[in-house]
C-alpha atoms as a PDB file:
ATOM      1  CA  UNK A   1       0.199  -0.135   0.052  1.00  0.00           C
ATOM      2  CA  UNK A   2       1.772   3.118  -1.035  1.00  0.00           C
ATOM      3  CA  UNK A   3       2.247   5.660   2.071  1.00  0.00           C
ATOM      4  CA  UNK A   4       1.496   9.404   1.194  1.00  0.00           C
ATOM      5  CA  UNK A   5       2.702  10.540   4.400  1.00  0.00           C
ATOM      6  CA  UNK A   6       2.511  14.320   5.653  1.00  0.00           C
ATOM      7  CA  UNK A   7       6.013  15.444   6.629  1.00  0.00           C
ATOM      8  CA  UNK A   8       5.661  15.478  10.396  1.00  0.00           C
ATOM      9  CA  UNK A   9       7.716  17.413  13.558  1.00  0.00           C
ATOM     10  CA  UNK A  10       9.248  14.614  15.620  1.00  0.00           C
ATOM     11  CA  UNK A  11       8.258  16.595  18.823  1.00  0.00           C
ATOM     12  CA  UNK A  12       4.556  17.038  17.565  1.00  0.00           C
ATOM     13  CA  UNK A  13       2.032  15.394  20.323  1.00  0.00           C
ATOM     14  CA  UNK A  14       0.045  13.761  17.593  1.00  0.00           C
ATOM     15  CA  UNK A  15       1.047  12.664  13.820  1.00  0.00           C
ATOM     16  CA  UNK A  16      -1.280  12.380  11.072  1.00  0.00           C
ATOM     17  CA  UNK A  17      -0.291  10.579   7.955  1.00  0.00           C
ATOM     18  CA  UNK A  18      -2.528  10.350   4.921  1.00  0.00           C
ATOM     19  CA  UNK A  19      -1.706   6.580   4.119  1.00  0.00           C
ATOM     20  CA  UNK A  20      -3.777   6.672   0.672  1.00  0.00           C
ATOM     21  CA  UNK A  21      -6.814   8.419  -0.243  1.00  0.00           C
ATOM     22  CA  UNK A  22      -9.053   6.603   2.248  1.00  0.00           C
ATOM     23  CA  UNK A  23      -7.146   5.811   5.087  1.00  0.00           C
ATOM     24  CA  UNK A  24      -5.890   7.978   7.540  1.00  0.00           C
ATOM     25  CA  UNK A  25      -3.286   7.016  10.527  1.00  0.00           C
ATOM     26  CA  UNK A  26      -3.124   9.174  13.690  1.00  0.00           C
ATOM     27  CA  UNK A  27      -0.102   8.391  16.212  1.00  0.00           C
ATOM     28  CA  UNK A  28       0.056   9.343  19.645  1.00  0.00           C
ATOM     29  CA  UNK A  29       3.367  10.719  19.987  1.00  0.00           C
ATOM     30  CA  UNK A  30       4.895  11.097  23.426  1.00  0.00           C
ATOM     31  CA  UNK A  31       6.998   7.953  23.643  1.00  0.00           C
ATOM     32  CA  UNK A  32       9.058   9.423  26.440  1.00  0.00           C
ATOM     33  CA  UNK A  33       5.982   9.757  28.552  1.00  0.00           C
ATOM     34  CA  UNK A  34       4.345   6.493  27.695  1.00  0.00           C
ATOM     35  CA  UNK A  35       2.409   8.319  25.508  1.00  0.00           C
ATOM     36  CA  UNK A  36       0.461   9.688  28.530  1.00  0.00           C
ATOM     37  CA  UNK A  37      -1.922  12.053  27.413  1.00  0.00           C
ATOM     38  CA  UNK A  38      -1.451  15.736  28.246  1.00  0.00           C
ATOM     39  CA  UNK A  39      -2.977  18.969  27.466  1.00  0.00           C
ATOM     40  CA  UNK A  40      -1.534  19.490  24.136  1.00  0.00           C
ATOM     41  CA  UNK A  41      -2.150  15.956  22.760  1.00  0.00           C
ATOM     42  CA  UNK A  42      -5.909  16.409  23.970  1.00  0.00           C
ATOM     43  CA  UNK A  43      -6.132  20.015  21.625  1.00  0.00           C
ATOM     44  CA  UNK A  44      -4.119  18.619  18.844  1.00  0.00           C
ATOM     45  CA  UNK A  45      -6.288  14.618  18.384  1.00  0.00           C
ATOM     46  CA  UNK A  46      -9.764  16.704  19.024  1.00  0.00           C
ATOM     47  CA  UNK A  47      -8.550  18.812  15.885  1.00  0.00           C
ATOM     48  CA  UNK A  48      -7.689  15.834  13.788  1.00  0.00           C
ATOM     49  CA  UNK A  49     -10.484  14.152  14.540  1.00  0.00           C
ATOM     50  CA  UNK A  50     -12.848  16.956  13.455  1.00  0.00           C
ATOM     51  CA  UNK A  51     -10.827  17.006  10.313  1.00  0.00           C
ATOM     52  CA  UNK A  52     -11.093  13.334   9.740  1.00  0.00           C
ATOM     53  CA  UNK A  53     -14.759  13.716   9.820  1.00  0.00           C
ATOM     54  CA  UNK A  54     -15.041  16.987   7.245  1.00  0.00           C
ATOM     55  CA  UNK A  55     -12.678  15.222   4.832  1.00  0.00           C
ATOM     56  CA  UNK A  56     -15.203  13.337   2.474  1.00  0.00           C
ATOM     57  CA  UNK A  57     -12.060  11.204   0.866  1.00  0.00           C
ATOM     58  CA  UNK A  58     -11.093   9.418   4.040  1.00  0.00           C
ATOM     59  CA  UNK A  59     -12.892   6.605   4.856  1.00  0.00           C
ATOM     60  CA  UNK A  60     -11.326   4.822   7.865  1.00  0.00           C
ATOM     61  CA  UNK A  61      -8.997   5.925  10.456  1.00  0.00           C
ATOM     62  CA  UNK A  62      -6.348   4.043  12.761  1.00  0.00           C
ATOM     63  CA  UNK A  63      -5.253   5.072  16.063  1.00  0.00           C
ATOM     64  CA  UNK A  64      -1.712   3.753  16.542  1.00  0.00           C
ATOM     65  CA  UNK A  65       1.126   4.741  19.065  1.00  0.00           C
ATOM     66  CA  UNK A  66       4.907   5.391  18.768  1.00  0.00           C
ATOM     67  CA  UNK A  67       7.183   2.678  19.217  1.00  0.00           C
ATOM     68  CA  UNK A  68       7.970   1.824  23.011  1.00  0.00           C
ATOM     69  CA  UNK A  69       6.447  -0.024  26.078  1.00  0.00           C
ATOM     70  CA  UNK A  70       3.353   1.776  25.681  1.00  0.00           C
ATOM     71  CA  UNK A  71       0.166   2.192  23.648  1.00  0.00           C
ATOM     72  CA  UNK A  72      -1.106   4.915  26.067  1.00  0.00           C
ATOM     73  CA  UNK A  73      -0.391   4.794  29.757  1.00  0.00           C
ATOM     74  CA  UNK A  74      -3.737   7.112  30.103  1.00  0.00           C
ATOM     75  CA  UNK A  75      -3.708  10.683  31.537  1.00  0.00           C
ATOM     76  CA  UNK A  76      -0.381  12.280  32.203  1.00  0.00           C
ATOM     77  CA  UNK A  77      -0.237  12.625  35.882  1.00  0.00           C
ATOM     78  CA  UNK A  78       2.185  15.767  35.844  1.00  0.00           C
ATOM     79  CA  UNK A  79      -0.550  17.288  34.402  1.00  0.00           C
ATOM     80  CA  UNK A  80      -3.164  16.279  37.257  1.00  0.00           C
ATOM     81  CA  UNK A  81      -1.071  17.063  39.753  1.00  0.00           C
ATOM     82  CA  UNK A  82      -0.576  20.459  38.568  1.00  0.00           C
ATOM     83  CA  UNK A  83      -4.004  21.144  38.384  1.00  0.00           C
ATOM     84  CA  UNK A  84      -4.337  20.576  34.851  1.00  0.00           C
ATOM     85  CA  UNK A  85      -6.749  17.560  34.525  1.00  0.00           C
ATOM     86  CA  UNK A  86      -9.870  19.217  33.575  1.00  0.00           C
ATOM     87  CA  UNK A  87      -7.757  20.676  30.263  1.00  0.00           C
ATOM     88  CA  UNK A  88      -7.364  16.793  29.258  1.00  0.00           C
ATOM     89  CA  UNK A  89     -11.274  17.140  28.713  1.00  0.00           C
ATOM     90  CA  UNK A  90     -13.109  18.696  25.961  1.00  0.00           C
ATOM     91  CA  UNK A  91     -16.549  19.862  25.974  1.00  0.00           C
ATOM     92  CA  UNK A  92     -17.619  17.787  22.889  1.00  0.00           C
ATOM     93  CA  UNK A  93     -14.677  15.244  22.606  1.00  0.00           C
ATOM     94  CA  UNK A  94     -14.422  14.056  26.383  1.00  0.00           C
ATOM     95  CA  UNK A  95     -10.865  12.645  27.597  1.00  0.00           C
ATOM     96  CA  UNK A  96      -8.271  13.361  25.044  1.00  0.00           C
ATOM     97  CA  UNK A  97     -10.900  15.217  22.749  1.00  0.00           C
ATOM     98  CA  UNK A  98     -11.393  11.606  21.530  1.00  0.00           C
ATOM     99  CA  UNK A  99     -13.146   8.989  23.882  1.00  0.00           C
ATOM    100  CA  UNK A 100     -17.005  11.079  23.442  1.00  0.00           C
ATOM    101  CA  UNK A 101     -16.111  12.476  19.798  1.00  0.00           C
ATOM    102  CA  UNK A 102     -18.504  12.483  17.295  1.00  0.00           C
ATOM    103  CA  UNK A 103     -17.105  10.157  14.787  1.00  0.00           C
ATOM    104  CA  UNK A 104     -19.240   8.653  11.935  1.00  0.00           C
ATOM    105  CA  UNK A 105     -16.402   6.767   9.963  1.00  0.00           C
ATOM    106  CA  UNK A 106     -15.112   3.635  11.287  1.00  0.00           C
ATOM    107  CA  UNK A 107     -11.748   4.003  13.401  1.00  0.00           C
ATOM    108  CA  UNK A 108      -9.226   0.976  14.120  1.00  0.00           C
ATOM    109  CA  UNK A 109      -6.988   0.757  17.278  1.00  0.00           C
ATOM    110  CA  UNK A 110      -3.566  -0.914  16.660  1.00  0.00           C
ATOM    111  CA  UNK A 111      -2.309  -1.389  20.556  1.00  0.00           C
ATOM    112  CA  UNK A 112       1.176  -2.411  21.384  1.00  0.00           C
ATOM    113  CA  UNK A 113       2.615  -2.825  24.867  1.00  0.00           C
ATOM    114  CA  UNK A 114       0.286  -1.259  27.711  1.00  0.00           C
ATOM    115  CA  UNK A 115      -2.729   0.090  27.321  1.00  0.00           C
ATOM    116  CA  UNK A 116      -3.770   1.083  30.773  1.00  0.00           C
ATOM    117  CA  UNK A 117      -6.794   3.182  32.306  1.00  0.00           C
ATOM    118  CA  UNK A 118      -7.457   6.238  29.198  1.00  0.00           C
ATOM    119  CA  UNK A 119      -5.253   3.951  26.792  1.00  0.00           C
ATOM    120  CA  UNK A 120      -8.069   1.035  27.181  1.00  0.00           C
ATOM    121  CA  UNK A 121     -10.574   3.498  26.999  1.00  0.00           C
ATOM    122  CA  UNK A 122      -9.306   4.801  23.325  1.00  0.00           C
ATOM    123  CA  UNK A 123      -9.383   1.084  22.535  1.00  0.00           C
ATOM    124  CA  UNK A 124     -12.784   0.978  23.931  1.00  0.00           C
ATOM    125  CA  UNK A 125     -13.918   4.254  21.902  1.00  0.00           C
ATOM    126  CA  UNK A 126     -12.547   2.596  18.623  1.00  0.00           C
ATOM    127  CA  UNK A 127     -14.647   0.235  16.709  1.00  0.00           C
ATOM    128  CA  UNK A 128     -12.126  -2.701  16.285  1.00  0.00           C
ATOM    129  CA  UNK A 129      -8.620  -3.253  17.967  1.00  0.00           C
ATOM    130  CA  UNK A 130      -5.679  -5.029  16.391  1.00  0.00           C
ATOM    131  CA  UNK A 131      -3.203  -5.639  19.037  1.00  0.00           C
ATOM    132  CA  UNK A 132       0.522  -6.758  19.078  1.00  0.00           C
ATOM    133  CA  UNK A 133       1.575  -9.996  20.983  1.00  0.00           C
ATOM    134  CA  UNK A 134       2.747  -7.692  23.649  1.00  0.00           C
ATOM    135  CA  UNK A 135      -0.338  -5.678  24.381  1.00  0.00           C
ATOM    136  CA  UNK A 136      -1.916  -5.425  27.923  1.00  0.00           C
ATOM    137  CA  UNK A 137      -5.335  -4.170  28.487  1.00  0.00           C
ATOM    138  CA  UNK A 138      -6.333  -2.576  31.995  1.00  0.00           C
ATOM    139  CA  UNK A 139      -7.806  -0.010  34.125  1.00  0.00           C
ATOM    140  CA  UNK A 140      -5.619   0.478  37.128  1.00  0.00           C
ATOM    141  CA  UNK A 141      -7.792   3.781  38.497  1.00  0.00           C
ATOM    142  CA  UNK A 142      -8.848   1.701  41.701  1.00  0.00           C
ATOM    143  CA  UNK A 143      -5.398   1.251  42.603  1.00  0.00           C
ATOM    144  CA  UNK A 144      -4.671   5.019  42.460  1.00  0.00           C
ATOM    145  CA  UNK A 145      -7.853   6.041  43.786  1.00  0.00           C
ATOM    146  CA  UNK A 146      -9.340   7.148  40.607  1.00  0.00           C
ATOM    147  CA  UNK A 147     -12.435   5.960  38.317  1.00  0.00           C
ATOM    148  CA  UNK A 148     -12.130   4.677  35.017  1.00  0.00           C
ATOM    149  CA  UNK A 149     -14.646   7.612  34.085  1.00  0.00           C
ATOM    150  CA  UNK A 150     -13.616   8.290  30.030  1.00  0.00           C
ATOM    151  CA  UNK A 151     -15.969   5.502  29.382  1.00  0.00           C
ATOM    152  CA  UNK A 152     -14.210   2.540  30.569  1.00  0.00           C
ATOM    153  CA  UNK A 153     -16.740   1.908  33.744  1.00  0.00           C
ATOM    154  CA  UNK A 154     -19.406   1.201  31.305  1.00  0.00           C
ATOM    155  CA  UNK A 155     -17.905   0.281  28.121  1.00  0.00           C
ATOM    156  CA  UNK A 156     -15.636  -2.481  29.366  1.00  0.00           C
ATOM    157  CA  UNK A 157     -18.813  -4.596  30.837  1.00  0.00           C
ATOM    158  CA  UNK A 158     -20.441  -4.316  27.002  1.00  0.00           C
ATOM    159  CA  UNK A 159     -17.460  -4.995  25.370  1.00  0.00           C
ATOM    160  CA  UNK A 160     -16.600  -8.559  27.239  1.00  0.00           C
ATOM    161  CA  UNK A 161     -18.037 -10.469  29.868  1.00  0.00           C
ATOM    162  CA  UNK A 162     -19.590  -8.901  32.830  1.00  0.00           C
ATOM    163  CA  UNK A 163     -18.223 -10.663  35.506  1.00  0.00           C
ATOM    164  CA  UNK A 164     -14.493 -10.609  34.145  1.00  0.00           C
ATOM    165  CA  UNK A 165     -15.395  -6.773  33.300  1.00  0.00           C
ATOM    166  CA  UNK A 166     -16.238  -6.442  37.236  1.00  0.00           C
ATOM    167  CA  UNK A 167     -12.885  -7.870  38.194  1.00  0.00           C
ATOM    168  CA  UNK A 168     -11.202  -5.669  36.120  1.00  0.00           C
ATOM    169  CA  UNK A 169     -13.029  -2.367  37.301  1.00  0.00           C
ATOM    170  CA  UNK A 170     -12.882  -3.305  40.872  1.00  0.00           C
ATOM    171  CA  UNK A 171      -9.142  -4.975  41.377  1.00  0.00           C
ATOM    172  CA  UNK A 172      -7.306  -2.948  38.602  1.00  0.00           C
ATOM    173  CA  UNK A 173      -5.933  -6.650  37.146  1.00  0.00           C
ATOM    174  CA  UNK A 174      -4.818  -6.702  33.668  1.00  0.00           C
ATOM    175  CA  UNK A 175      -5.346  -9.008  30.753  1.00  0.00           C
ATOM    176  CA  UNK A 176      -3.076  -9.962  27.890  1.00  0.00           C
ATOM    177  CA  UNK A 177      -3.502  -9.458  24.112  1.00  0.00           C
ATOM    178  CA  UNK A 178      -4.703 -13.521  23.930  1.00  0.00           C
ATOM    179  CA  UNK A 179      -7.203 -13.308  26.514  1.00  0.00           C
ATOM    180  CA  UNK A 180      -8.539  -9.934  25.422  1.00  0.00           C
ATOM    181  CA  UNK A 181      -9.040 -11.643  21.761  1.00  0.00           C
ATOM    182  CA  UNK A 182     -10.718 -14.687  23.254  1.00  0.00           C
ATOM    183  CA  UNK A 183     -12.893 -12.693  25.309  1.00  0.00           C
ATOM    184  CA  UNK A 184     -13.804 -10.183  22.476  1.00  0.00           C
ATOM    185  CA  UNK A 185     -12.250  -7.421  23.282  1.00  0.00           C
ATOM    186  CA  UNK A 186      -9.743  -7.388  20.389  1.00  0.00           C
ATOM    187  CA  UNK A 187     -10.456  -8.445  16.928  1.00  0.00           C
ATOM    188  CA  UNK A 188      -6.821  -9.987  15.836  1.00  0.00           C
ATOM    189  CA  UNK A 189      -3.229 -10.464  17.810  1.00  0.00           C
ATOM    190  CA  UNK A 190      -0.231 -10.560  15.583  1.00  0.00           C
ATOM    191  CA  UNK A 191       3.350 -10.180  16.086  1.00  0.00           C
ATOM    192  CA  UNK A 192       4.696  -6.496  17.212  1.00  0.00           C
ATOM    193  CA  UNK A 193       6.298  -6.057  13.785  1.00  0.00           C
ATOM    194  CA  UNK A 194       3.471  -7.024  11.559  1.00  0.00           C
ATOM    195  CA  UNK A 195       1.078  -4.813  13.906  1.00  0.00           C
ATOM    196  CA  UNK A 196       0.748  -1.789  11.441  1.00  0.00           C
ATOM    197  CA  UNK A 197       0.366  -3.645   8.319  1.00  0.00           C
ATOM    198  CA  UNK A 198      -2.131  -5.604   9.930  1.00  0.00           C
ATOM    199  CA  UNK A 199      -4.182  -2.837  10.838  1.00  0.00           C
ATOM    200  CA  UNK A 200      -3.568  -0.932   7.416  1.00  0.00           C
ATOM    201  CA  UNK A 201      -5.191  -4.234   6.023  1.00  0.00           C
ATOM    202  CA  UNK A 202      -7.837  -4.128   8.070  1.00  0.00           C
ATOM    203  CA  UNK A 203      -8.373  -0.903   7.107  1.00  0.00           C
ATOM    204  CA  UNK A 204      -8.220  -1.410   3.667  1.00  0.00           C
ATOM    205  CA  UNK A 205     -11.213  -4.139   3.951  1.00  0.00           C
ATOM    206  CA  UNK A 206     -13.053  -1.298   5.176  1.00  0.00           C
ATOM    207  CA  UNK A 207     -12.372   1.426   2.844  1.00  0.00           C
ATOM    208  CA  UNK A 208     -12.789  -1.020  -0.365  1.00  0.00           C
ATOM    209  CA  UNK A 209     -16.524  -1.205   0.697  1.00  0.00           C
ATOM    210  CA  UNK A 210     -19.427   1.714   0.026  1.00  0.00           C
ATOM    211  CA  UNK A 211     -18.808   4.273   2.340  1.00  0.00           C
ATOM    212  CA  UNK A 212     -22.423   5.152   2.882  1.00  0.00           C
ATOM    213  CA  UNK A 213     -23.185   1.288   3.538  1.00  0.00           C
ATOM    214  CA  UNK A 214     -20.447   1.285   6.109  1.00  0.00           C
ATOM    215  CA  UNK A 215     -21.210   4.291   7.874  1.00  0.00           C
ATOM    216  CA  UNK A 216     -25.020   3.229   8.379  1.00  0.00           C
ATOM    217  CA  UNK A 217     -23.976   0.135   9.096  1.00  0.00           C
ATOM    218  CA  UNK A 218     -21.321   1.095  12.113  1.00  0.00           C
ATOM    219  CA  UNK A 219     -24.346   3.636  13.399  1.00  0.00           C
ATOM    220  CA  UNK A 220     -26.985   0.837  14.125  1.00  0.00           C
ATOM    221  CA  UNK A 221     -23.981  -1.351  15.175  1.00  0.00           C
ATOM    222  CA  UNK A 222     -22.964   0.834  17.465  1.00  0.00           C
ATOM    223  CA  UNK A 223     -26.503   1.494  18.869  1.00  0.00           C
ATOM    224  CA  UNK A 224     -27.030  -2.442  19.032  1.00  0.00           C
ATOM    225  CA  UNK A 225     -26.199  -2.551  22.814  1.00  0.00           C
ATOM    226  CA  UNK A 226     -28.310  -0.079  23.948  1.00  0.00           C
ATOM    227  CA  UNK A 227     -31.655  -0.145  22.238  1.00  0.00           C
ATOM    228  CA  UNK A 228     -34.298  -2.251  21.906  1.00  0.00           C
ATOM    229  CA  UNK A 229     -35.398  -4.569  18.873  1.00  0.00           C
ATOM    230  CA  UNK A 230     -38.313  -2.132  17.989  1.00  0.00           C
ATOM    231  CA  UNK A 231     -35.838   0.758  17.923  1.00  0.00           C
ATOM    232  CA  UNK A 232     -33.158  -1.038  16.012  1.00  0.00           C
ATOM    233  CA  UNK A 233     -35.412  -2.380  13.410  1.00  0.00           C
ATOM    234  CA  UNK A 234     -36.771   1.614  12.872  1.00  0.00           C
ATOM    235  CA  UNK A 235     -33.381   2.526  12.425  1.00  0.00           C
ATOM    236  CA  UNK A 236     -32.304  -0.774  10.567  1.00  0.00           C
ATOM    237  CA  UNK A 237     -35.588   0.488   7.715  1.00  0.00           C
ATOM    238  CA  UNK A 238     -34.503   4.054   7.652  1.00  0.00           C
ATOM    239  CA  UNK A 239     -30.803   3.326   7.090  1.00  0.00           C
ATOM    240  CA  UNK A 240     -32.230   0.709   4.345  1.00  0.00           C
ATOM    241  CA  UNK A 241     -34.355   3.595   2.810  1.00  0.00           C
ATOM    242  CA  UNK A 242     -30.885   6.156   2.162  1.00  0.00           C
ATOM    243  CA  UNK A 243     -29.020   3.292   1.107  1.00  0.00           C
ATOM    244  CA  UNK A 244     -31.390   1.860  -1.264  1.00  0.00           C
ATOM    245  CA  UNK A 245     -31.795   5.220  -2.731  1.00  0.00           C
ATOM    246  CA  UNK A 246     -27.742   5.596  -3.537  1.00  0.00           C
ATOM    247  CA  UNK A 247     -25.920   5.461  -6.641  1.00  0.00           C
ATOM    248  CA  UNK A 248     -24.031   2.745  -5.053  1.00  0.00           C
ATOM    249  CA  UNK A 249     -26.664   0.717  -4.446  1.00  0.00           C
ATOM    250  CA  UNK A 250     -26.941   0.421  -8.072  1.00  0.00           C
ATOM    251  CA  UNK A 251     -23.432   0.482  -8.738  1.00  0.00           C
ATOM    252  CA  UNK A 252     -22.362  -2.474  -6.460  1.00  0.00           C
ATOM    253  CA  UNK A 253     -24.251  -5.030  -8.356  1.00  0.00           C
ATOM    254  CA  UNK A 254     -23.602  -3.638 -11.411  1.00  0.00           C
ATOM    255  CA  UNK A 255     -20.169  -4.104 -10.823  1.00  0.00           C
ATOM    256  CA  UNK A 256     -20.491  -7.547  -9.362  1.00  0.00           C
ATOM    257  CA  UNK A 257     -21.858  -8.412 -12.912  1.00  0.00           C
ATOM    258  CA  UNK A 258     -19.584  -6.692 -14.748  1.00  0.00           C
ATOM    259  CA  UNK A 259     -16.615  -8.390 -12.950  1.00  0.00           C
ATOM    260  CA  UNK A 260     -14.924  -5.246 -11.805  1.00  0.00           C
ATOM    261  CA  UNK A 261     -14.176  -3.122  -9.097  1.00  0.00           C
ATOM    262  CA  UNK A 262     -17.052  -1.189  -7.877  1.00  0.00           C
ATOM    263  CA  UNK A 263     -16.810   2.952  -7.861  1.00  0.00           C
ATOM    264  CA  UNK A 264     -18.346   4.234  -5.394  1.00  0.00           C
ATOM    265  CA  UNK A 265     -20.016   7.660  -4.786  1.00  0.00           C
ATOM    266  CA  UNK A 266     -21.283   8.315  -1.635  1.00  0.00           C
END
């Protein structure tokens, strides 16, 4: 896959790369601090999320982290100790300007090393997770007298079996990549060296599909754990009407019959 990355400044807290026309990669870039979230990272990440949402060419984004022992160690305790904790939250995006941000496009977390506290909450806020063999997931907040308030306390029990989630939430215990995969938290586990390409391969599978179909399917899939059958059936009917009215609904079958790659318009 060709890499059309925009040149980056090494000390930027977040790196943005346009991998190709439809795929973006966003990299947490504070390896010296285990990619812990500080104020600068929060402001830049929120800005990038908004730009990806507004970019009609981009179809999927990858959230990765700079090489090192950690994907993300959560909030930067130095900022919290200095009284800057509230600035690690934004009005629209929540923690790091990300976990509650409006995102209609799929996000894939590419996790290596420790994904602790806010690091796990990053993964839970994404739609899919590709993990390296060395990945470790946990919410150690109870050990610090804190709470996993950036979605962890309720997203984790939705993502894995309730009993396991409650054990993690109350003991601060962590799980490795293989167990996370067995529990359904992680889509794929790969060697560390293969992590970037594995995340890109999954993103490419998503990007190859009709964007409108992906967005509508994603929206309903995200709501599945929260709404009842009747509400989901209504949302599905409304989404079906929008999809079937699109040019893509005609292009897909036509391309299949003509044995060629579809050219999506949505």
